[in-house]
């Protein structure tokens, strides 16, 4: 059996608000297998995004264990975390965060250029082109974001997130700025690419229909993560 891509144990996150400590995440224990899509639902302020940030090494857990792609990331320095993210993680945002002055191809290639992959320029551009073809944008390589629809921009974002074939893809409300039909197409594409590459997906969503398409649904409430044993409410 393959080792999990994500494994946490007794993980807590506390942040200071003035003189008052806030217990954001409480005894989080879960795992994600390679190629598995896990959706996390729950009300705003429940801790979903904080958990995503801990998994991405953008926030340090106060205590407990956080293993991602076989690396214990708790306690890594900021420099080591930055290198780790570039090598093992992909992130898909609700807002597309594309660089307006760059073409779709250049936006995706940039992810590899800053990733210290030691690839030649020609290899980087070929990989970026392959990723854009994979998301159905082979005819939009030279288009800048302003010339792309919202769905196309999010597909560029997806290509950028998967171009380095990450072990873990973190997706924070990736369809939040898309209409229902376009969002469904992006998600179908994301799930297919992740499973083809064996990439684990941690997906935050408020969309019940989207959550139901995941392999497993977890619920976050007041900082506690539990398995959702009932159908996701519509």
C-alpha atoms as a PDB file:
ATOM      1  CA  UNK A   1       0.000   0.000   0.000  1.00  0.00           C
ATOM      2  CA  UNK A   2       1.283   3.478  -0.895  1.00  0.00           C
ATOM      3  CA  UNK A   3       2.227   5.815   1.918  1.00  0.00           C
ATOM      4  CA  UNK A   4      -0.197   8.709   2.445  1.00  0.00           C
ATOM      5  CA  UNK A   5       0.683  12.031   0.870  1.00  0.00           C
ATOM      6  CA  UNK A   6      -0.726  13.864   3.890  1.00  0.00           C
ATOM      7  CA  UNK A   7      -0.700  12.566   7.455  1.00  0.00           C
ATOM      8  CA  UNK A   8      -1.362  14.630  10.571  1.00  0.00           C
ATOM      9  CA  UNK A   9      -1.518  13.574  14.209  1.00  0.00           C
ATOM     10  CA  UNK A  10      -2.655  15.577  17.249  1.00  0.00           C
ATOM     11  CA  UNK A  11      -2.025  18.765  15.292  1.00  0.00           C
ATOM     12  CA  UNK A  12      -3.045  22.063  16.837  1.00  0.00           C
ATOM     13  CA  UNK A  13      -2.759  25.662  15.748  1.00  0.00           C
ATOM     14  CA  UNK A  14      -2.944  28.554  18.160  1.00  0.00           C
ATOM     15  CA  UNK A  15      -2.580  32.188  17.151  1.00  0.00           C
ATOM     16  CA  UNK A  16      -2.317  35.256  19.325  1.00  0.00           C
ATOM     17  CA  UNK A  17      -4.947  37.982  19.011  1.00  0.00           C
ATOM     18  CA  UNK A  18      -3.757  40.766  21.260  1.00  0.00           C
ATOM     19  CA  UNK A  19      -3.360  39.127  24.654  1.00  0.00           C
ATOM     20  CA  UNK A  20      -5.865  36.404  23.847  1.00  0.00           C
ATOM     21  CA  UNK A  21      -4.717  33.091  22.338  1.00  0.00           C
ATOM     22  CA  UNK A  22      -7.044  31.720  19.661  1.00  0.00           C
ATOM     23  CA  UNK A  23      -7.251  27.952  19.289  1.00  0.00           C
ATOM     24  CA  UNK A  24      -7.774  27.732  15.520  1.00  0.00           C
ATOM     25  CA  UNK A  25      -7.194  24.007  14.848  1.00  0.00           C
ATOM     26  CA  UNK A  26      -7.844  21.357  17.476  1.00  0.00           C
ATOM     27  CA  UNK A  27      -6.286  17.881  17.470  1.00  0.00           C
ATOM     28  CA  UNK A  28      -6.414  17.431  13.703  1.00  0.00           C
ATOM     29  CA  UNK A  29      -5.836  13.830  12.598  1.00  0.00           C
ATOM     30  CA  UNK A  30      -6.398  12.734   9.016  1.00  0.00           C
ATOM     31  CA  UNK A  31      -4.584  11.485   5.934  1.00  0.00           C
ATOM     32  CA  UNK A  32      -4.882  11.675   2.153  1.00  0.00           C
ATOM     33  CA  UNK A  33      -3.751   8.883  -0.150  1.00  0.00           C
ATOM     34  CA  UNK A  34      -2.046   9.404  -3.526  1.00  0.00           C
ATOM     35  CA  UNK A  35      -4.652  10.289  -6.161  1.00  0.00           C
ATOM     36  CA  UNK A  36      -7.379  10.792  -3.547  1.00  0.00           C
ATOM     37  CA  UNK A  37      -9.609  13.874  -3.618  1.00  0.00           C
ATOM     38  CA  UNK A  38     -10.701  15.075  -0.190  1.00  0.00           C
ATOM     39  CA  UNK A  39     -13.208  17.918   0.089  1.00  0.00           C
ATOM     40  CA  UNK A  40     -13.534  19.948   3.276  1.00  0.00           C
ATOM     41  CA  UNK A  41     -16.758  21.773   4.023  1.00  0.00           C
ATOM     42  CA  UNK A  42     -17.831  23.933   6.912  1.00  0.00           C
ATOM     43  CA  UNK A  43     -18.926  27.458   7.821  1.00  0.00           C
ATOM     44  CA  UNK A  44     -16.718  30.494   7.315  1.00  0.00           C
ATOM     45  CA  UNK A  45     -14.291  30.920  10.187  1.00  0.00           C
ATOM     46  CA  UNK A  46     -14.308  27.231  11.081  1.00  0.00           C
ATOM     47  CA  UNK A  47     -10.594  26.720  10.291  1.00  0.00           C
ATOM     48  CA  UNK A  48     -10.644  25.309   6.737  1.00  0.00           C
ATOM     49  CA  UNK A  49      -8.253  27.820   5.220  1.00  0.00           C
ATOM     50  CA  UNK A  50      -6.001  27.671   8.277  1.00  0.00           C
ATOM     51  CA  UNK A  51      -5.662  23.922   7.771  1.00  0.00           C
ATOM     52  CA  UNK A  52      -4.813  24.452   4.109  1.00  0.00           C
ATOM     53  CA  UNK A  53      -2.154  26.972   5.111  1.00  0.00           C
ATOM     54  CA  UNK A  54      -0.595  24.531   7.580  1.00  0.00           C
ATOM     55  CA  UNK A  55      -0.487  21.785   4.935  1.00  0.00           C
ATOM     56  CA  UNK A  56       1.151  24.238   2.550  1.00  0.00           C
ATOM     57  CA  UNK A  57       3.751  25.304   5.095  1.00  0.00           C
ATOM     58  CA  UNK A  58       2.370  28.836   5.093  1.00  0.00           C
ATOM     59  CA  UNK A  59       1.454  28.568   8.766  1.00  0.00           C
ATOM     60  CA  UNK A  60       3.353  26.549  11.377  1.00  0.00           C
ATOM     61  CA  UNK A  61       1.384  24.159  13.582  1.00  0.00           C
ATOM     62  CA  UNK A  62       1.747  24.904  17.273  1.00  0.00           C
ATOM     63  CA  UNK A  63       2.260  21.231  18.064  1.00  0.00           C
ATOM     64  CA  UNK A  64       1.576  17.774  16.704  1.00  0.00           C
ATOM     65  CA  UNK A  65       2.778  16.134  13.505  1.00  0.00           C
ATOM     66  CA  UNK A  66       2.288  17.256   9.907  1.00  0.00           C
ATOM     67  CA  UNK A  67       3.776  15.052   7.203  1.00  0.00           C
ATOM     68  CA  UNK A  68       3.407  16.011   3.531  1.00  0.00           C
ATOM     69  CA  UNK A  69       4.929  13.990   0.678  1.00  0.00           C
ATOM     70  CA  UNK A  70       6.933  11.985   3.187  1.00  0.00           C
ATOM     71  CA  UNK A  71       8.472  15.054   4.845  1.00  0.00           C
ATOM     72  CA  UNK A  72       7.774  16.183   8.382  1.00  0.00           C
ATOM     73  CA  UNK A  73       7.247  19.888   7.738  1.00  0.00           C
ATOM     74  CA  UNK A  74       6.687  20.982  11.328  1.00  0.00           C
ATOM     75  CA  UNK A  75       9.722  22.940  12.397  1.00  0.00           C
ATOM     76  CA  UNK A  76      11.231  23.476   8.939  1.00  0.00           C
ATOM     77  CA  UNK A  77      12.765  26.887   8.352  1.00  0.00           C
ATOM     78  CA  UNK A  78      11.058  29.387   6.052  1.00  0.00           C
ATOM     79  CA  UNK A  79      13.711  28.801   3.391  1.00  0.00           C
ATOM     80  CA  UNK A  80      13.297  25.028   3.579  1.00  0.00           C
ATOM     81  CA  UNK A  81       9.513  25.377   3.437  1.00  0.00           C
ATOM     82  CA  UNK A  82       9.752  27.549   0.333  1.00  0.00           C
ATOM     83  CA  UNK A  83      11.918  24.936  -1.388  1.00  0.00           C
ATOM     84  CA  UNK A  84       9.545  22.180  -0.244  1.00  0.00           C
ATOM     85  CA  UNK A  85       6.517  23.999  -1.685  1.00  0.00           C
ATOM     86  CA  UNK A  86       8.201  24.526  -5.033  1.00  0.00           C
ATOM     87  CA  UNK A  87       9.123  20.854  -5.291  1.00  0.00           C
ATOM     88  CA  UNK A  88       6.032  19.094  -3.981  1.00  0.00           C
ATOM     89  CA  UNK A  89       2.952  21.350  -3.903  1.00  0.00           C
ATOM     90  CA  UNK A  90       0.540  22.912  -6.347  1.00  0.00           C
ATOM     91  CA  UNK A  91      -1.914  25.614  -5.264  1.00  0.00           C
ATOM     92  CA  UNK A  92      -5.107  26.624  -7.058  1.00  0.00           C
ATOM     93  CA  UNK A  93      -6.688  29.842  -5.822  1.00  0.00           C
ATOM     94  CA  UNK A  94     -10.212  31.246  -6.041  1.00  0.00           C
ATOM     95  CA  UNK A  95      -8.737  34.403  -7.571  1.00  0.00           C
ATOM     96  CA  UNK A  96      -6.643  33.414 -10.546  1.00  0.00           C
ATOM     97  CA  UNK A  97      -3.480  35.377  -9.582  1.00  0.00           C
ATOM     98  CA  UNK A  98      -2.102  35.408 -13.118  1.00  0.00           C
ATOM     99  CA  UNK A  99       0.482  38.017 -14.099  1.00  0.00           C
ATOM    100  CA  UNK A 100      -1.349  40.359 -16.520  1.00  0.00           C
ATOM    101  CA  UNK A 101       1.688  41.208 -18.637  1.00  0.00           C
ATOM    102  CA  UNK A 102       2.570  37.560 -19.273  1.00  0.00           C
ATOM    103  CA  UNK A 103       1.014  35.128 -21.743  1.00  0.00           C
ATOM    104  CA  UNK A 104      -0.640  31.926 -20.584  1.00  0.00           C
ATOM    105  CA  UNK A 105       2.509  30.020 -21.531  1.00  0.00           C
ATOM    106  CA  UNK A 106       4.764  32.426 -19.622  1.00  0.00           C
ATOM    107  CA  UNK A 107       2.518  32.315 -16.526  1.00  0.00           C
ATOM    108  CA  UNK A 108       2.777  28.533 -16.382  1.00  0.00           C
ATOM    109  CA  UNK A 109       6.492  28.454 -17.229  1.00  0.00           C
ATOM    110  CA  UNK A 110       7.212  30.901 -14.401  1.00  0.00           C
ATOM    111  CA  UNK A 111       6.168  28.252 -11.896  1.00  0.00           C
ATOM    112  CA  UNK A 112       8.995  26.017 -13.125  1.00  0.00           C
ATOM    113  CA  UNK A 113      11.512  28.838 -13.530  1.00  0.00           C
ATOM    114  CA  UNK A 114      11.255  29.785  -9.853  1.00  0.00           C
ATOM    115  CA  UNK A 115      11.062  26.151  -8.798  1.00  0.00           C
ATOM    116  CA  UNK A 116      14.792  25.492  -9.180  1.00  0.00           C
ATOM    117  CA  UNK A 117      14.112  22.466 -11.369  1.00  0.00           C
ATOM    118  CA  UNK A 118      17.506  22.719 -13.129  1.00  0.00           C
ATOM    119  CA  UNK A 119      15.705  22.349 -16.440  1.00  0.00           C
ATOM    120  CA  UNK A 120      16.802  24.124 -19.582  1.00  0.00           C
ATOM    121  CA  UNK A 121      14.625  26.947 -20.894  1.00  0.00           C
ATOM    122  CA  UNK A 122      13.454  24.792 -23.795  1.00  0.00           C
ATOM    123  CA  UNK A 123      12.424  22.025 -21.375  1.00  0.00           C
ATOM    124  CA  UNK A 124      10.530  24.486 -19.175  1.00  0.00           C
ATOM    125  CA  UNK A 125       8.608  25.914 -22.106  1.00  0.00           C
ATOM    126  CA  UNK A 126       7.826  22.433 -23.436  1.00  0.00           C
ATOM    127  CA  UNK A 127       6.494  21.350 -20.029  1.00  0.00           C
ATOM    128  CA  UNK A 128       4.388  24.523 -19.737  1.00  0.00           C
ATOM    129  CA  UNK A 129       2.954  23.950 -23.208  1.00  0.00           C
ATOM    130  CA  UNK A 130       2.161  20.322 -22.350  1.00  0.00           C
ATOM    131  CA  UNK A 131       0.326  21.424 -19.185  1.00  0.00           C
ATOM    132  CA  UNK A 132      -1.748  23.967 -21.096  1.00  0.00           C
ATOM    133  CA  UNK A 133      -2.622  21.390 -23.748  1.00  0.00           C
ATOM    134  CA  UNK A 134      -3.691  19.047 -20.946  1.00  0.00           C
ATOM    135  CA  UNK A 135      -6.212  21.631 -19.702  1.00  0.00           C
ATOM    136  CA  UNK A 136      -7.502  22.293 -23.222  1.00  0.00           C
ATOM    137  CA  UNK A 137      -5.698  25.571 -23.884  1.00  0.00           C
ATOM    138  CA  UNK A 138      -3.274  24.519 -26.590  1.00  0.00           C
ATOM    139  CA  UNK A 139      -4.683  27.282 -28.799  1.00  0.00           C
ATOM    140  CA  UNK A 140      -4.353  29.988 -26.124  1.00  0.00           C
ATOM    141  CA  UNK A 141      -0.627  29.785 -25.392  1.00  0.00           C
ATOM    142  CA  UNK A 142       0.130  33.352 -26.449  1.00  0.00           C
ATOM    143  CA  UNK A 143      -2.975  34.971 -24.980  1.00  0.00           C
ATOM    144  CA  UNK A 144      -2.639  37.277 -21.982  1.00  0.00           C
ATOM    145  CA  UNK A 145      -5.154  36.981 -19.088  1.00  0.00           C
ATOM    146  CA  UNK A 146      -7.196  39.954 -20.331  1.00  0.00           C
ATOM    147  CA  UNK A 147      -7.939  38.044 -23.531  1.00  0.00           C
ATOM    148  CA  UNK A 148      -9.125  34.938 -21.664  1.00  0.00           C
ATOM    149  CA  UNK A 149     -12.495  34.154 -20.064  1.00  0.00           C
ATOM    150  CA  UNK A 150     -12.740  33.457 -16.349  1.00  0.00           C
ATOM    151  CA  UNK A 151     -12.877  29.723 -16.975  1.00  0.00           C
ATOM    152  CA  UNK A 152      -9.849  29.898 -19.254  1.00  0.00           C
ATOM    153  CA  UNK A 153      -7.904  31.899 -16.671  1.00  0.00           C
ATOM    154  CA  UNK A 154      -8.682  29.291 -14.026  1.00  0.00           C
ATOM    155  CA  UNK A 155      -7.513  26.570 -16.386  1.00  0.00           C
ATOM    156  CA  UNK A 156      -4.236  28.450 -16.794  1.00  0.00           C
ATOM    157  CA  UNK A 157      -4.081  28.493 -12.998  1.00  0.00           C
ATOM    158  CA  UNK A 158      -4.683  24.747 -12.957  1.00  0.00           C
ATOM    159  CA  UNK A 159      -1.947  24.172 -15.551  1.00  0.00           C
ATOM    160  CA  UNK A 160       0.407  26.252 -13.419  1.00  0.00           C
ATOM    161  CA  UNK A 161      -0.519  24.236 -10.332  1.00  0.00           C
ATOM    162  CA  UNK A 162       0.067  20.833 -11.932  1.00  0.00           C
ATOM    163  CA  UNK A 163       2.978  21.569 -14.293  1.00  0.00           C
ATOM    164  CA  UNK A 164       5.535  20.274 -11.775  1.00  0.00           C
ATOM    165  CA  UNK A 165       3.415  17.137 -11.158  1.00  0.00           C
ATOM    166  CA  UNK A 166       3.000  17.893  -7.439  1.00  0.00           C
ATOM    167  CA  UNK A 167       2.394  15.283  -4.783  1.00  0.00           C
ATOM    168  CA  UNK A 168      -0.321  17.499  -3.231  1.00  0.00           C
ATOM    169  CA  UNK A 169      -2.688  19.998  -4.828  1.00  0.00           C
ATOM    170  CA  UNK A 170      -4.277  22.527  -2.488  1.00  0.00           C
ATOM    171  CA  UNK A 171      -7.429  24.120  -3.903  1.00  0.00           C
ATOM    172  CA  UNK A 172      -9.166  26.931  -2.023  1.00  0.00           C
ATOM    173  CA  UNK A 173     -12.661  27.564  -3.435  1.00  0.00           C
ATOM    174  CA  UNK A 174     -11.346  27.132  -7.005  1.00  0.00           C
ATOM    175  CA  UNK A 175     -14.784  27.636  -8.578  1.00  0.00           C
ATOM    176  CA  UNK A 176     -15.829  30.583  -6.427  1.00  0.00           C
ATOM    177  CA  UNK A 177     -15.447  33.106  -9.253  1.00  0.00           C
ATOM    178  CA  UNK A 178     -16.898  30.906 -11.996  1.00  0.00           C
ATOM    179  CA  UNK A 179     -20.434  30.189 -13.125  1.00  0.00           C
ATOM    180  CA  UNK A 180     -21.776  26.729 -12.306  1.00  0.00           C
ATOM    181  CA  UNK A 181     -21.219  25.109 -15.699  1.00  0.00           C
ATOM    182  CA  UNK A 182     -17.711  26.514 -16.150  1.00  0.00           C
ATOM    183  CA  UNK A 183     -16.790  25.591 -12.585  1.00  0.00           C
ATOM    184  CA  UNK A 184     -17.987  22.022 -13.120  1.00  0.00           C
ATOM    185  CA  UNK A 185     -15.775  21.691 -16.200  1.00  0.00           C
ATOM    186  CA  UNK A 186     -12.711  23.009 -14.356  1.00  0.00           C
ATOM    187  CA  UNK A 187     -13.304  20.637 -11.452  1.00  0.00           C
ATOM    188  CA  UNK A 188     -13.806  17.638 -13.725  1.00  0.00           C
ATOM    189  CA  UNK A 189     -10.523  18.478 -15.394  1.00  0.00           C
ATOM    190  CA  UNK A 190      -8.731  18.980 -12.077  1.00  0.00           C
ATOM    191  CA  UNK A 191      -9.934  15.660 -10.690  1.00  0.00           C
ATOM    192  CA  UNK A 192      -8.969  13.769 -13.858  1.00  0.00           C
ATOM    193  CA  UNK A 193      -5.479  15.286 -13.998  1.00  0.00           C
ATOM    194  CA  UNK A 194      -4.886  14.672 -10.303  1.00  0.00           C
ATOM    195  CA  UNK A 195      -5.895  11.029 -10.514  1.00  0.00           C
ATOM    196  CA  UNK A 196      -3.857  10.471 -13.679  1.00  0.00           C
ATOM    197  CA  UNK A 197      -0.764  11.871 -11.942  1.00  0.00           C
ATOM    198  CA  UNK A 198      -1.423  10.289  -8.546  1.00  0.00           C
ATOM    199  CA  UNK A 199      -1.715  13.758  -7.018  1.00  0.00           C
ATOM    200  CA  UNK A 200      -3.585  14.030  -3.724  1.00  0.00           C
ATOM    201  CA  UNK A 201      -6.103  16.884  -3.622  1.00  0.00           C
ATOM    202  CA  UNK A 202      -7.171  18.894  -0.578  1.00  0.00           C
ATOM    203  CA  UNK A 203     -10.174  20.928  -1.672  1.00  0.00           C
ATOM    204  CA  UNK A 204     -12.018  23.610   0.284  1.00  0.00           C
ATOM    205  CA  UNK A 205     -15.490  24.325  -1.015  1.00  0.00           C
ATOM    206  CA  UNK A 206     -18.882  25.749  -0.083  1.00  0.00           C
ATOM    207  CA  UNK A 207     -20.444  24.034  -3.104  1.00  0.00           C
ATOM    208  CA  UNK A 208     -22.348  20.885  -2.022  1.00  0.00           C
ATOM    209  CA  UNK A 209     -22.457  19.521  -5.562  1.00  0.00           C
ATOM    210  CA  UNK A 210     -18.691  19.854  -5.855  1.00  0.00           C
ATOM    211  CA  UNK A 211     -18.073  18.267  -2.460  1.00  0.00           C
ATOM    212  CA  UNK A 212     -20.173  15.249  -3.381  1.00  0.00           C
ATOM    213  CA  UNK A 213     -17.868  14.551  -6.329  1.00  0.00           C
ATOM    214  CA  UNK A 214     -14.843  14.080  -4.067  1.00  0.00           C
ATOM    215  CA  UNK A 215     -13.701  10.650  -2.888  1.00  0.00           C
ATOM    216  CA  UNK A 216     -14.246  11.695   0.710  1.00  0.00           C
ATOM    217  CA  UNK A 217     -15.851  14.651   2.474  1.00  0.00           C
ATOM    218  CA  UNK A 218     -14.647  16.027   5.799  1.00  0.00           C
ATOM    219  CA  UNK A 219     -16.407  18.653   7.890  1.00  0.00           C
ATOM    220  CA  UNK A 220     -14.673  21.441   9.781  1.00  0.00           C
ATOM    221  CA  UNK A 221     -16.495  23.054  12.683  1.00  0.00           C
ATOM    222  CA  UNK A 222     -14.986  25.209  15.434  1.00  0.00           C
ATOM    223  CA  UNK A 223     -11.503  23.996  14.535  1.00  0.00           C
ATOM    224  CA  UNK A 224     -12.307  20.273  14.640  1.00  0.00           C
ATOM    225  CA  UNK A 225     -12.196  18.022  11.594  1.00  0.00           C
ATOM    226  CA  UNK A 226     -14.564  15.076  11.342  1.00  0.00           C
ATOM    227  CA  UNK A 227     -15.696  12.666   8.657  1.00  0.00           C
ATOM    228  CA  UNK A 228     -19.023  13.594   7.138  1.00  0.00           C
ATOM    229  CA  UNK A 229     -21.092  10.435   7.426  1.00  0.00           C
ATOM    230  CA  UNK A 230     -24.267  11.937   5.961  1.00  0.00           C
ATOM    231  CA  UNK A 231     -24.905  13.386   2.524  1.00  0.00           C
ATOM    232  CA  UNK A 232     -23.570  16.880   1.976  1.00  0.00           C
ATOM    233  CA  UNK A 233     -26.518  19.228   2.467  1.00  0.00           C
ATOM    234  CA  UNK A 234     -27.702  20.912  -0.719  1.00  0.00           C
END
